Amino acid sequence: MTVRATLVTGWVVALMCGLVACAGSPSPPPAADLVVDVTIAKGQVTPSNATLRAKVGQPITFRVTSDAADELHVHSVPDHKFQVAAAPNQTFQFKVDVPGNVEVALHHLDRTIATIHVQP
């Protein structure tokens, strides 16, 4: 084999290895849904002032059982508002599009359920 053929073969092998590496590994699986169980009973809210973590675009579900009507407000961009009835097993789902700290509060009771740290 000539020197030129050896160099060309070396470059082809290096190029192919680079292309295989650039093809990369598959993207990581999407984050699992964040599910938060909320109970509102006799003016008390559980959880209260919880700290949670999520990723941008990750589905977030609040499952609410309440003995009083209220409004669940997600202070994100854009914000989300859900009407809570005096009923068990209510489900409210949303996604956050902008990273940052997102407060989830009940307006009539004026209570913070959680602050969600949303990461890119």
PDB file of N, CA and C in Angstrom:
ATOM      1  N   MET A   1       0.847  -1.154   0.000  1.00  0.00           N
ATOM      2  CA  MET A   1       0.000   0.000   0.000  1.00  0.00           C
ATOM      3  C   MET A   1       0.901   1.228   0.000  1.00  0.00           C
ATOM      4  N   THR A   2       0.525   2.216  -0.809  1.00  0.00           N
ATOM      5  CA  THR A   2       1.339   3.427  -0.893  1.00  0.00           C
ATOM      6  C   THR A   2       1.071   4.312   0.298  1.00  0.00           C
ATOM      7  N   VAL A   3       1.936   5.264   0.475  1.00  0.00           N
ATOM      8  CA  VAL A   3       1.772   6.218   1.568  1.00  0.00           C
ATOM      9  C   VAL A   3       0.469   6.987   1.390  1.00  0.00           C
ATOM     10  N   ARG A   4       0.195   7.356   0.135  1.00  0.00           N
ATOM     11  CA  ARG A   4      -1.032   8.103  -0.144  1.00  0.00           C
ATOM     12  C   ARG A   4      -2.267   7.252   0.203  1.00  0.00           C
ATOM     13  N   ALA A   5      -2.283   5.997  -0.200  1.00  0.00           N
ATOM     14  CA  ALA A   5      -3.403   5.112   0.081  1.00  0.00           C
ATOM     15  C   ALA A   5      -3.566   4.928   1.588  1.00  0.00           C
ATOM     16  N   THR A   6      -2.468   4.830   2.305  1.00  0.00           N
ATOM     17  CA  THR A   6      -2.518   4.681   3.759  1.00  0.00           C
ATOM     18  C   THR A   6      -3.126   5.922   4.391  1.00  0.00           C
ATOM     19  N   LEU A   7      -2.728   7.109   3.927  1.00  0.00           N
ATOM     20  CA  LEU A   7      -3.276   8.354   4.469  1.00  0.00           C
ATOM     21  C   LEU A   7      -4.769   8.481   4.159  1.00  0.00           C
ATOM     22  N   VAL A   8      -5.153   8.158   2.939  1.00  0.00           N
ATOM     23  CA  VAL A   8      -6.559   8.237   2.557  1.00  0.00           C
ATOM     24  C   VAL A   8      -7.377   7.266   3.400  1.00  0.00           C
ATOM     25  N   THR A   9      -6.899   6.058   3.573  1.00  0.00           N
ATOM     26  CA  THR A   9      -7.603   5.068   4.392  1.00  0.00           C
ATOM     27  C   THR A   9      -7.746   5.579   5.826  1.00  0.00           C
ATOM     28  N   GLY A  10      -6.691   6.158   6.372  1.00  0.00           N
ATOM     29  CA  GLY A  10      -6.725   6.709   7.735  1.00  0.00           C
ATOM     30  C   GLY A  10      -7.752   7.818   7.869  1.00  0.00           C
ATOM     31  N   TRP A  11      -7.797   8.690   6.871  1.00  0.00           N
ATOM     32  CA  TRP A  11      -8.770   9.794   6.899  1.00  0.00           C
ATOM     33  C   TRP A  11     -10.205   9.259   6.798  1.00  0.00           C
ATOM     34  N   VAL A  12     -10.417   8.270   5.963  1.00  0.00           N
ATOM     35  CA  VAL A  12     -11.755   7.703   5.808  1.00  0.00           C
ATOM     36  C   VAL A  12     -12.211   7.062   7.119  1.00  0.00           C
ATOM     37  N   VAL A  13     -11.316   6.322   7.744  1.00  0.00           N
ATOM     38  CA  VAL A  13     -11.651   5.689   9.026  1.00  0.00           C
ATOM     39  C   VAL A  13     -11.949   6.754  10.074  1.00  0.00           C
ATOM     40  N   ALA A  14     -11.130   7.791  10.146  1.00  0.00           N
ATOM     41  CA  ALA A  14     -11.344   8.863  11.128  1.00  0.00           C
ATOM     42  C   ALA A  14     -12.661   9.588  10.864  1.00  0.00           C
ATOM     43  N   LEU A  15     -12.969   9.839   9.607  1.00  0.00           N
ATOM     44  CA  LEU A  15     -14.200  10.520   9.236  1.00  0.00           C
ATOM     45  C   LEU A  15     -15.409   9.675   9.629  1.00  0.00           C
ATOM     46  N   MET A  16     -15.342   8.378   9.350  1.00  0.00           N
ATOM     47  CA  MET A  16     -16.462   7.500   9.683  1.00  0.00           C
ATOM     48  C   MET A  16     -16.670   7.424  11.191  1.00  0.00           C
ATOM     49  N   CYS A  17     -15.579   7.348  11.928  1.00  0.00           N
ATOM     50  CA  CYS A  17     -15.693   7.313  13.394  1.00  0.00           C
ATOM     51  C   CYS A  17     -16.317   8.606  13.895  1.00  0.00           C
ATOM     52  N   GLY A  18     -15.908   9.727  13.312  1.00  0.00           N
ATOM     53  CA  GLY A  18     -16.474  11.016  13.695  1.00  0.00           C
ATOM     54  C   GLY A  18     -17.953  11.094  13.384  1.00  0.00           C
ATOM     55  N   LEU A  19     -18.351  10.587  12.221  1.00  0.00           N
ATOM     56  CA  LEU A  19     -19.767  10.617  11.852  1.00  0.00           C
ATOM     57  C   LEU A  19     -20.602   9.750  12.782  1.00  0.00           C
ATOM     58  N   VAL A  20     -20.090   8.609  13.138  1.00  0.00           N
ATOM     59  CA  VAL A  20     -20.814   7.729  14.052  1.00  0.00           C
ATOM     60  C   VAL A  20     -20.967   8.420  15.404  1.00  0.00           C
ATOM     61  N   ALA A  21     -19.896   9.071  15.872  1.00  0.00           N
ATOM     62  CA  ALA A  21     -19.961   9.765  17.156  1.00  0.00           C
ATOM     63  C   ALA A  21     -20.915  10.946  17.080  1.00  0.00           C
ATOM     64  N   CYS A  22     -20.940  11.663  15.948  1.00  0.00           N
ATOM     65  CA  CYS A  22     -21.821  12.814  15.800  1.00  0.00           C
ATOM     66  C   CYS A  22     -23.283  12.401  15.714  1.00  0.00           C
ATOM     67  N   ALA A  23     -23.515  11.206  15.250  1.00  0.00           N
ATOM     68  CA  ALA A  23     -24.898  10.750  15.192  1.00  0.00           C
ATOM     69  C   ALA A  23     -25.478  10.743  16.592  1.00  0.00           C
ATOM     70  N   GLY A  24     -24.617  10.606  17.570  1.00  0.00           N
ATOM     71  CA  GLY A  24     -24.996  10.727  18.965  1.00  0.00           C
ATOM     72  C   GLY A  24     -25.871   9.601  19.457  1.00  0.00           C
ATOM     73  N   SER A  25     -26.049   9.639  20.740  1.00  0.00           N
ATOM     74  CA  SER A  25     -26.932   8.665  21.351  1.00  0.00           C
ATOM     75  C   SER A  25     -28.342   9.225  21.311  1.00  0.00           C
ATOM     76  N   PRO A  26     -29.313   8.381  21.473  1.00  0.00           N
ATOM     77  CA  PRO A  26     -30.689   8.878  21.451  1.00  0.00           C
ATOM     78  C   PRO A  26     -30.899   9.905  22.557  1.00  0.00           C
ATOM     79  N   SER A  27     -31.816  10.839  22.319  1.00  0.00           N
ATOM     80  CA  SER A  27     -32.086  11.852  23.330  1.00  0.00           C
ATOM     81  C   SER A  27     -32.662  11.183  24.572  1.00  0.00           C
ATOM     82  N   PRO A  28     -32.441  11.822  25.736  1.00  0.00           N
ATOM     83  CA  PRO A  28     -32.926  11.207  26.969  1.00  0.00           C
ATOM     84  C   PRO A  28     -34.447  11.134  26.958  1.00  0.00           C
ATOM     85  N   PRO A  29     -34.994  10.159  27.649  1.00  0.00           N
ATOM     86  CA  PRO A  29     -36.454  10.034  27.676  1.00  0.00           C
ATOM     87  C   PRO A  29     -37.067  11.263  28.347  1.00  0.00           C
ATOM     88  N   PRO A  30     -38.280  11.627  27.975  1.00  0.00           N
ATOM     89  CA  PRO A  30     -38.912  12.777  28.612  1.00  0.00           C
ATOM     90  C   PRO A  30     -39.119  12.515  30.101  1.00  0.00           C
ATOM     91  N   ALA A  31     -39.113  13.601  30.852  1.00  0.00           N
ATOM     92  CA  ALA A  31     -39.306  13.467  32.286  1.00  0.00           C
ATOM     93  C   ALA A  31     -40.719  12.956  32.567  1.00  0.00           C
ATOM     94  N   ALA A  32     -40.833  12.130  33.571  1.00  0.00           N
ATOM     95  CA  ALA A  32     -42.143  11.599  33.957  1.00  0.00           C
ATOM     96  C   ALA A  32     -43.011  12.736  34.489  1.00  0.00           C
ATOM     97  N   ASP A  33     -44.311  12.551  34.419  1.00  0.00           N
ATOM     98  CA  ASP A  33     -45.233  13.558  34.940  1.00  0.00           C
ATOM     99  C   ASP A  33     -44.942  13.819  36.415  1.00  0.00           C
ATOM    100  N   LEU A  34     -45.067  15.076  36.802  1.00  0.00           N
ATOM    101  CA  LEU A  34     -45.019  15.446  38.212  1.00  0.00           C
ATOM    102  C   LEU A  34     -46.462  15.443  38.700  1.00  0.00           C
ATOM    103  N   VAL A  35     -46.762  14.636  39.712  1.00  0.00           N
ATOM    104  CA  VAL A  35     -48.120  14.527  40.237  1.00  0.00           C
ATOM    105  C   VAL A  35     -48.107  14.970  41.698  1.00  0.00           C
ATOM    106  N   VAL A  36     -49.024  15.895  42.022  1.00  0.00           N
ATOM    107  CA  VAL A  36     -49.123  16.427  43.377  1.00  0.00           C
ATOM    108  C   VAL A  36     -50.546  16.197  43.878  1.00  0.00           C
ATOM    109  N   ASP A  37     -50.669  15.496  44.998  1.00  0.00           N
ATOM    110  CA  ASP A  37     -51.973  15.270  45.627  1.00  0.00           C
ATOM    111  C   ASP A  37     -52.223  16.379  46.639  1.00  0.00           C
ATOM    112  N   VAL A  38     -53.353  17.061  46.481  1.00  0.00           N
ATOM    113  CA  VAL A  38     -53.692  18.205  47.328  1.00  0.00           C
ATOM    114  C   VAL A  38     -55.006  17.913  48.046  1.00  0.00           C
ATOM    115  N   THR A  39     -55.026  18.216  49.351  1.00  0.00           N
ATOM    116  CA  THR A  39     -56.251  18.098  50.143  1.00  0.00           C
ATOM    117  C   THR A  39     -56.559  19.455  50.758  1.00  0.00           C
ATOM    118  N   ILE A  40     -57.807  19.877  50.576  1.00  0.00           N
ATOM    119  CA  ILE A  40     -58.293  21.111  51.195  1.00  0.00           C
ATOM    120  C   ILE A  40     -59.440  20.698  52.104  1.00  0.00           C
ATOM    121  N   ALA A  41     -59.247  20.883  53.420  1.00  0.00           N
ATOM    122  CA  ALA A  41     -60.258  20.463  54.383  1.00  0.00           C
ATOM    123  C   ALA A  41     -60.285  21.429  55.562  1.00  0.00           C
ATOM    124  N   LYS A  42     -61.464  21.978  55.854  1.00  0.00           N
ATOM    125  CA  LYS A  42     -61.667  22.870  57.001  1.00  0.00           C
ATOM    126  C   LYS A  42     -60.679  24.032  57.002  1.00  0.00           C
ATOM    127  N   GLY A  43     -60.407  24.573  55.825  1.00  0.00           N
ATOM    128  CA  GLY A  43     -59.520  25.723  55.710  1.00  0.00           C
ATOM    129  C   GLY A  43     -58.038  25.392  55.723  1.00  0.00           C
ATOM    130  N   GLN A  44     -57.701  24.133  55.833  1.00  0.00           N
ATOM    131  CA  GLN A  44     -56.302  23.708  55.839  1.00  0.00           C
ATOM    132  C   GLN A  44     -55.942  23.096  54.489  1.00  0.00           C
ATOM    133  N   VAL A  45     -54.717  23.332  54.049  1.00  0.00           N
ATOM    134  CA  VAL A  45     -54.254  22.852  52.748  1.00  0.00           C
ATOM    135  C   VAL A  45     -53.018  21.980  52.945  1.00  0.00           C
ATOM    136  N   THR A  46     -53.043  20.805  52.322  1.00  0.00           N
ATOM    137  CA  THR A  46     -51.898  19.900  52.345  1.00  0.00           C
ATOM    138  C   THR A  46     -51.599  19.490  50.914  1.00  0.00           C
ATOM    139  N   PRO A  47     -50.390  19.649  50.410  1.00  0.00           N
ATOM    140  CA  PRO A  47     -49.232  20.249  51.075  1.00  0.00           C
ATOM    141  C   PRO A  47     -49.362  21.767  51.139  1.00  0.00           C
ATOM    142  N   SER A  48     -48.486  22.356  51.928  1.00  0.00           N
ATOM    143  CA  SER A  48     -48.445  23.801  52.071  1.00  0.00           C
ATOM    144  C   SER A  48     -46.990  24.240  51.954  1.00  0.00           C
ATOM    145  N   ASN A  49     -46.732  25.178  51.059  1.00  0.00           N
ATOM    146  CA  ASN A  49     -45.380  25.711  50.829  1.00  0.00           C
ATOM    147  C   ASN A  49     -44.366  24.627  50.453  1.00  0.00           C
ATOM    148  N   ALA A  50     -44.803  23.644  49.704  1.00  0.00           N
ATOM    149  CA  ALA A  50     -43.886  22.582  49.254  1.00  0.00           C
ATOM    150  C   ALA A  50     -42.931  23.138  48.198  1.00  0.00           C
ATOM    151  N   THR A  51     -41.766  22.532  48.102  1.00  0.00           N
ATOM    152  CA  THR A  51     -40.792  22.877  47.066  1.00  0.00           C
ATOM    153  C   THR A  51     -40.683  21.687  46.126  1.00  0.00           C
ATOM    154  N   LEU A  52     -40.953  21.935  44.845  1.00  0.00           N
ATOM    155  CA  LEU A  52     -40.951  20.871  43.840  1.00  0.00           C
ATOM    156  C   LEU A  52     -40.016  21.245  42.703  1.00  0.00           C
ATOM    157  N   ARG A  53     -39.655  20.247  41.886  1.00  0.00           N
ATOM    158  CA  ARG A  53     -38.796  20.476  40.715  1.00  0.00           C
ATOM    159  C   ARG A  53     -39.460  19.883  39.483  1.00  0.00           C
ATOM    160  N   ALA A  54     -39.307  20.605  38.361  1.00  0.00           N
ATOM    161  CA  ALA A  54     -39.848  20.131  37.091  1.00  0.00           C
ATOM    162  C   ALA A  54     -38.979  20.691  35.968  1.00  0.00           C
ATOM    163  N   LYS A  55     -39.214  20.196  34.775  1.00  0.00           N
ATOM    164  CA  LYS A  55     -38.528  20.669  33.571  1.00  0.00           C
ATOM    165  C   LYS A  55     -39.534  21.414  32.701  1.00  0.00           C
ATOM    166  N   VAL A  56     -39.031  22.329  31.892  1.00  0.00           N
ATOM    167  CA  VAL A  56     -39.878  23.023  30.931  1.00  0.00           C
ATOM    168  C   VAL A  56     -40.584  21.978  30.064  1.00  0.00           C
ATOM    169  N   GLY A  57     -41.887  22.125  29.898  1.00  0.00           N
ATOM    170  CA  GLY A  57     -42.659  21.214  29.064  1.00  0.00           C
ATOM    171  C   GLY A  57     -43.081  19.916  29.726  1.00  0.00           C
ATOM    172  N   GLN A  58     -42.626  19.677  30.944  1.00  0.00           N
ATOM    173  CA  GLN A  58     -42.995  18.448  31.648  1.00  0.00           C
ATOM    174  C   GLN A  58     -44.450  18.535  32.115  1.00  0.00           C
ATOM    175  N   PRO A  59     -45.255  17.518  31.880  1.00  0.00           N
ATOM    176  CA  PRO A  59     -46.635  17.546  32.371  1.00  0.00           C
ATOM    177  C   PRO A  59     -46.661  17.570  33.905  1.00  0.00           C
ATOM    178  N   ILE A  60     -47.460  18.481  34.446  1.00  0.00           N
ATOM    179  CA  ILE A  60     -47.627  18.619  35.889  1.00  0.00           C
ATOM    180  C   ILE A  60     -49.104  18.449  36.184  1.00  0.00           C
ATOM    181  N   THR A  61     -49.412  17.560  37.119  1.00  0.00           N
ATOM    182  CA  THR A  61     -50.806  17.277  37.456  1.00  0.00           C
ATOM    183  C   THR A  61     -51.033  17.523  38.937  1.00  0.00           C
ATOM    184  N   PHE A  62     -52.073  18.295  39.244  1.00  0.00           N
ATOM    185  CA  PHE A  62     -52.511  18.477  40.620  1.00  0.00           C
ATOM    186  C   PHE A  62     -53.829  17.726  40.769  1.00  0.00           C
ATOM    187  N   ARG A  63     -53.844  16.743  41.695  1.00  0.00           N
ATOM    188  CA  ARG A  63     -55.060  15.987  41.995  1.00  0.00           C
ATOM    189  C   ARG A  63     -55.599  16.550  43.306  1.00  0.00           C
ATOM    190  N   VAL A  64     -56.798  17.117  43.238  1.00  0.00           N
ATOM    191  CA  VAL A  64     -57.324  17.885  44.362  1.00  0.00           C
ATOM    192  C   VAL A  64     -58.608  17.251  44.904  1.00  0.00           C
ATOM    193  N   THR A  65     -58.653  17.121  46.222  1.00  0.00           N
ATOM    194  CA  THR A  65     -59.872  16.784  46.946  1.00  0.00           C
ATOM    195  C   THR A  65     -60.138  17.955  47.880  1.00  0.00           C
ATOM    196  N   SER A  66     -61.335  18.551  47.760  1.00  0.00           N
ATOM    197  CA  SER A  66     -61.615  19.770  48.513  1.00  0.00           C
ATOM    198  C   SER A  66     -63.017  19.745  49.107  1.00  0.00           C
ATOM    199  N   ASP A  67     -63.159  20.374  50.280  1.00  0.00           N
ATOM    200  CA  ASP A  67     -64.484  20.529  50.881  1.00  0.00           C
ATOM    201  C   ASP A  67     -65.034  21.939  50.650  1.00  0.00           C
ATOM    202  N   ALA A  68     -64.302  22.759  49.849  1.00  0.00           N
ATOM    203  CA  ALA A  68     -64.755  24.122  49.559  1.00  0.00           C
ATOM    204  C   ALA A  68     -64.333  24.512  48.151  1.00  0.00           C
ATOM    205  N   ALA A  69     -65.123  25.367  47.521  1.00  0.00           N
ATOM    206  CA  ALA A  69     -64.765  25.881  46.197  1.00  0.00           C
ATOM    207  C   ALA A  69     -63.634  26.897  46.333  1.00  0.00           C
ATOM    208  N   ASP A  70     -62.749  26.931  45.342  1.00  0.00           N
ATOM    209  CA  ASP A  70     -61.628  27.868  45.346  1.00  0.00           C
ATOM    210  C   ASP A  70     -61.118  27.987  43.923  1.00  0.00           C
ATOM    211  N   GLU A  71     -60.064  28.749  43.748  1.00  0.00           N
ATOM    212  CA  GLU A  71     -59.416  28.860  42.445  1.00  0.00           C
ATOM    213  C   GLU A  71     -57.934  28.528  42.613  1.00  0.00           C
ATOM    214  N   LEU A  72     -57.482  27.535  41.855  1.00  0.00           N
ATOM    215  CA  LEU A  72     -56.076  27.147  41.837  1.00  0.00           C
ATOM    216  C   LEU A  72     -55.404  27.984  40.758  1.00  0.00           C
ATOM    217  N   HIS A  73     -54.398  28.750  41.156  1.00  0.00           N
ATOM    218  CA  HIS A  73     -53.729  29.655  40.223  1.00  0.00           C
ATOM    219  C   HIS A  73     -52.255  29.282  40.119  1.00  0.00           C
ATOM    220  N   VAL A  74     -51.811  29.032  38.885  1.00  0.00           N
ATOM    221  CA  VAL A  74     -50.417  28.711  38.603  1.00  0.00           C
ATOM    222  C   VAL A  74     -49.780  29.977  38.045  1.00  0.00           C
ATOM    223  N   HIS A  75     -48.882  30.571  38.810  1.00  0.00           N
ATOM    224  CA  HIS A  75     -48.248  31.838  38.437  1.00  0.00           C
ATOM    225  C   HIS A  75     -47.054  31.572  37.521  1.00  0.00           C
ATOM    226  N   SER A  76     -47.350  31.223  36.275  1.00  0.00           N
ATOM    227  CA  SER A  76     -46.311  30.947  35.279  1.00  0.00           C
ATOM    228  C   SER A  76     -46.581  31.827  34.059  1.00  0.00           C
ATOM    229  N   VAL A  77     -45.715  31.717  33.064  1.00  0.00           N
ATOM    230  CA  VAL A  77     -45.920  32.431  31.800  1.00  0.00           C
ATOM    231  C   VAL A  77     -46.145  31.394  30.727  1.00  0.00           C
ATOM    232  N   PRO A  78     -47.345  31.276  30.139  1.00  0.00           N
ATOM    233  CA  PRO A  78     -48.580  31.947  30.582  1.00  0.00           C
ATOM    234  C   PRO A  78     -49.095  31.318  31.870  1.00  0.00           C
ATOM    235  N   ASP A  79     -49.956  32.091  32.559  1.00  0.00           N
ATOM    236  CA  ASP A  79     -50.485  31.548  33.812  1.00  0.00           C
ATOM    237  C   ASP A  79     -51.642  30.595  33.521  1.00  0.00           C
ATOM    238  N   HIS A  80     -52.007  29.825  34.537  1.00  0.00           N
ATOM    239  CA  HIS A  80     -53.105  28.857  34.428  1.00  0.00           C
ATOM    240  C   HIS A  80     -54.012  29.058  35.636  1.00  0.00           C
ATOM    241  N   LYS A  81     -55.330  29.012  35.392  1.00  0.00           N
ATOM    242  CA  LYS A  81     -56.314  29.106  36.468  1.00  0.00           C
ATOM    243  C   LYS A  81     -57.291  27.941  36.339  1.00  0.00           C
ATOM    244  N   PHE A  82     -57.559  27.308  37.476  1.00  0.00           N
ATOM    245  CA  PHE A  82     -58.478  26.172  37.503  1.00  0.00           C
ATOM    246  C   PHE A  82     -59.501  26.397  38.609  1.00  0.00           C
ATOM    247  N   GLN A  83     -60.757  26.147  38.305  1.00  0.00           N
ATOM    248  CA  GLN A  83     -61.821  26.259  39.302  1.00  0.00           C
ATOM    249  C   GLN A  83     -61.890  24.961  40.095  1.00  0.00           C
ATOM    250  N   VAL A  84     -61.712  25.072  41.390  1.00  0.00           N
ATOM    251  CA  VAL A  84     -61.779  23.925  42.289  1.00  0.00           C
ATOM    252  C   VAL A  84     -63.190  23.871  42.864  1.00  0.00           C
ATOM    253  N   ALA A  85     -63.823  22.730  42.765  1.00  0.00           N
ATOM    254  CA  ALA A  85     -65.160  22.526  43.341  1.00  0.00           C
ATOM    255  C   ALA A  85     -65.019  21.849  44.700  1.00  0.00           C
ATOM    256  N   ALA A  86     -66.078  21.908  45.461  1.00  0.00           N
ATOM    257  CA  ALA A  86     -66.118  21.155  46.717  1.00  0.00           C
ATOM    258  C   ALA A  86     -66.437  19.712  46.343  1.00  0.00           C
ATOM    259  N   ALA A  87     -65.379  18.986  45.972  1.00  0.00           N
ATOM    260  CA  ALA A  87     -65.560  17.614  45.463  1.00  0.00           C
ATOM    261  C   ALA A  87     -64.243  16.858  45.547  1.00  0.00           C
ATOM    262  N   PRO A  88     -64.321  15.531  45.571  1.00  0.00           N
ATOM    263  CA  PRO A  88     -63.096  14.715  45.557  1.00  0.00           C
ATOM    264  C   PRO A  88     -62.600  14.491  44.134  1.00  0.00           C
ATOM    265  N   ASN A  89     -61.364  14.052  44.048  1.00  0.00           N
ATOM    266  CA  ASN A  89     -60.763  13.526  42.807  1.00  0.00           C
ATOM    267  C   ASN A  89     -60.845  14.444  41.592  1.00  0.00           C
ATOM    268  N   GLN A  90     -60.458  15.700  41.752  1.00  0.00           N
ATOM    269  CA  GLN A  90     -60.393  16.636  40.634  1.00  0.00           C
ATOM    270  C   GLN A  90     -58.965  16.632  40.098  1.00  0.00           C
ATOM    271  N   THR A  91     -58.832  16.689  38.787  1.00  0.00           N
ATOM    272  CA  THR A  91     -57.504  16.633  38.177  1.00  0.00           C
ATOM    273  C   THR A  91     -57.282  17.872  37.322  1.00  0.00           C
ATOM    274  N   PHE A  92     -56.159  18.541  37.552  1.00  0.00           N
ATOM    275  CA  PHE A  92     -55.790  19.728  36.788  1.00  0.00           C
ATOM    276  C   PHE A  92     -54.375  19.519  36.258  1.00  0.00           C
ATOM    277  N   GLN A  93     -54.216  19.606  34.940  1.00  0.00           N
ATOM    278  CA  GLN A  93     -52.896  19.358  34.336  1.00  0.00           C
ATOM    279  C   GLN A  93     -52.459  20.577  33.536  1.00  0.00           C
ATOM    280  N   PHE A  94     -51.154  20.856  33.588  1.00  0.00           N
ATOM    281  CA  PHE A  94     -50.585  21.973  32.852  1.00  0.00           C
ATOM    282  C   PHE A  94     -49.109  21.710  32.592  1.00  0.00           C
ATOM    283  N   LYS A  95     -48.530  22.552  31.747  1.00  0.00           N
ATOM    284  CA  LYS A  95     -47.091  22.545  31.482  1.00  0.00           C
ATOM    285  C   LYS A  95     -46.595  23.969  31.640  1.00  0.00           C
ATOM    286  N   VAL A  96     -45.321  24.106  31.995  1.00  0.00           N
ATOM    287  CA  VAL A  96     -44.704  25.420  32.119  1.00  0.00           C
ATOM    288  C   VAL A  96     -43.715  25.571  30.976  1.00  0.00           C
ATOM    289  N   ASP A  97     -43.817  26.691  30.255  1.00  0.00           N
ATOM    290  CA  ASP A  97     -42.994  26.916  29.067  1.00  0.00           C
ATOM    291  C   ASP A  97     -41.736  27.733  29.326  1.00  0.00           C
ATOM    292  N   VAL A  98     -41.690  28.439  30.466  1.00  0.00           N
ATOM    293  CA  VAL A  98     -40.570  29.341  30.751  1.00  0.00           C
ATOM    294  C   VAL A  98     -39.918  28.903  32.065  1.00  0.00           C
ATOM    295  N   PRO A  99     -38.592  28.694  32.068  1.00  0.00           N
ATOM    296  CA  PRO A  99     -37.936  28.283  33.315  1.00  0.00           C
ATOM    297  C   PRO A  99     -38.022  29.372  34.383  1.00  0.00           C
ATOM    298  N   GLY A 100     -37.954  28.941  35.626  1.00  0.00           N
ATOM    299  CA  GLY A 100     -37.996  29.869  36.756  1.00  0.00           C
ATOM    300  C   GLY A 100     -38.791  29.263  37.894  1.00  0.00           C
ATOM    301  N   ASN A 101     -39.083  30.082  38.890  1.00  0.00           N
ATOM    302  CA  ASN A 101     -39.862  29.637  40.042  1.00  0.00           C
ATOM    303  C   ASN A 101     -41.335  29.943  39.795  1.00  0.00           C
ATOM    304  N   VAL A 102     -42.165  28.927  39.926  1.00  0.00           N
ATOM    305  CA  VAL A 102     -43.591  29.043  39.652  1.00  0.00           C
ATOM    306  C   VAL A 102     -44.347  28.748  40.944  1.00  0.00           C
ATOM    307  N   GLU A 103     -45.125  29.718  41.385  1.00  0.00           N
ATOM    308  CA  GLU A 103     -45.926  29.537  42.588  1.00  0.00           C
ATOM    309  C   GLU A 103     -47.301  28.993  42.203  1.00  0.00           C
ATOM    310  N   VAL A 104     -47.777  28.021  42.967  1.00  0.00           N
ATOM    311  CA  VAL A 104     -49.117  27.480  42.784  1.00  0.00           C
ATOM    312  C   VAL A 104     -49.881  27.803  44.075  1.00  0.00           C
ATOM    313  N   ALA A 105     -50.968  28.580  43.923  1.00  0.00           N
ATOM    314  CA  ALA A 105     -51.667  29.081  45.101  1.00  0.00           C
ATOM    315  C   ALA A 105     -53.172  28.913  44.968  1.00  0.00           C
ATOM    316  N   LEU A 106     -53.834  28.918  46.125  1.00  0.00           N
ATOM    317  CA  LEU A 106     -55.292  28.967  46.192  1.00  0.00           C
ATOM    318  C   LEU A 106     -55.674  30.416  46.481  1.00  0.00           C
ATOM    319  N   HIS A 107     -56.539  30.979  45.659  1.00  0.00           N
ATOM    320  CA  HIS A 107     -56.836  32.401  45.801  1.00  0.00           C
ATOM    321  C   HIS A 107     -57.775  32.722  46.953  1.00  0.00           C
ATOM    322  N   HIS A 108     -58.850  31.974  47.145  1.00  0.00           N
ATOM    323  CA  HIS A 108     -59.798  32.311  48.207  1.00  0.00           C
ATOM    324  C   HIS A 108     -59.202  32.063  49.591  1.00  0.00           C
ATOM    325  N   LEU A 109     -58.479  30.973  49.733  1.00  0.00           N
ATOM    326  CA  LEU A 109     -57.826  30.686  51.016  1.00  0.00           C
ATOM    327  C   LEU A 109     -56.519  31.464  51.179  1.00  0.00           C
ATOM    328  N   ASP A 110     -56.028  32.041  50.079  1.00  0.00           N
ATOM    329  CA  ASP A 110     -54.766  32.793  50.084  1.00  0.00           C
ATOM    330  C   ASP A 110     -53.626  31.953  50.673  1.00  0.00           C
ATOM    331  N   ARG A 111     -53.473  30.747  50.117  1.00  0.00           N
ATOM    332  CA  ARG A 111     -52.435  29.816  50.575  1.00  0.00           C
ATOM    333  C   ARG A 111     -51.578  29.375  49.402  1.00  0.00           C
ATOM    334  N   THR A 112     -50.296  29.255  49.641  1.00  0.00           N
ATOM    335  CA  THR A 112     -49.388  28.724  48.630  1.00  0.00           C
ATOM    336  C   THR A 112     -49.290  27.220  48.836  1.00  0.00           C
ATOM    337  N   ILE A 113     -49.622  26.479  47.780  1.00  0.00           N
ATOM    338  CA  ILE A 113     -49.506  25.023  47.843  1.00  0.00           C
ATOM    339  C   ILE A 113     -48.054  24.621  47.639  1.00  0.00           C
ATOM    340  N   ALA A 114     -47.446  25.196  46.590  1.00  0.00           N
ATOM    341  CA  ALA A 114     -46.068  24.807  46.266  1.00  0.00           C
ATOM    342  C   ALA A 114     -45.399  25.865  45.404  1.00  0.00           C
ATOM    343  N   THR A 115     -44.077  25.833  45.442  1.00  0.00           N
ATOM    344  CA  THR A 115     -43.259  26.577  44.495  1.00  0.00           C
ATOM    345  C   THR A 115     -42.524  25.534  43.673  1.00  0.00           C
ATOM    346  N   ILE A 116     -42.691  25.613  42.358  1.00  0.00           N
ATOM    347  CA  ILE A 116     -42.068  24.645  41.464  1.00  0.00           C
ATOM    348  C   ILE A 116     -40.859  25.318  40.809  1.00  0.00           C
ATOM    349  N   HIS A 117     -39.681  24.742  40.999  1.00  0.00           N
ATOM    350  CA  HIS A 117     -38.463  25.227  40.348  1.00  0.00           C
ATOM    351  C   HIS A 117     -38.408  24.559  38.977  1.00  0.00           C
ATOM    352  N   VAL A 118     -38.708  25.337  37.942  1.00  0.00           N
ATOM    353  CA  VAL A 118     -38.771  24.801  36.581  1.00  0.00           C
ATOM    354  C   VAL A 118     -37.434  25.072  35.895  1.00  0.00           C
ATOM    355  N   GLN A 119     -36.782  23.992  35.478  1.00  0.00           N
ATOM    356  CA  GLN A 119     -35.463  24.076  34.837  1.00  0.00           C
ATOM    357  C   GLN A 119     -35.593  23.846  33.344  1.00  0.00           C
ATOM    358  N   PRO A 120     -34.660  24.444  32.562  1.00  0.00           N
ATOM    359  CA  PRO A 120     -34.718  24.248  31.095  1.00  0.00           C
ATOM    360  C   PRO A 120     -34.557  22.793  30.708  1.00  0.00           C
TER     361      PRO A 120
END
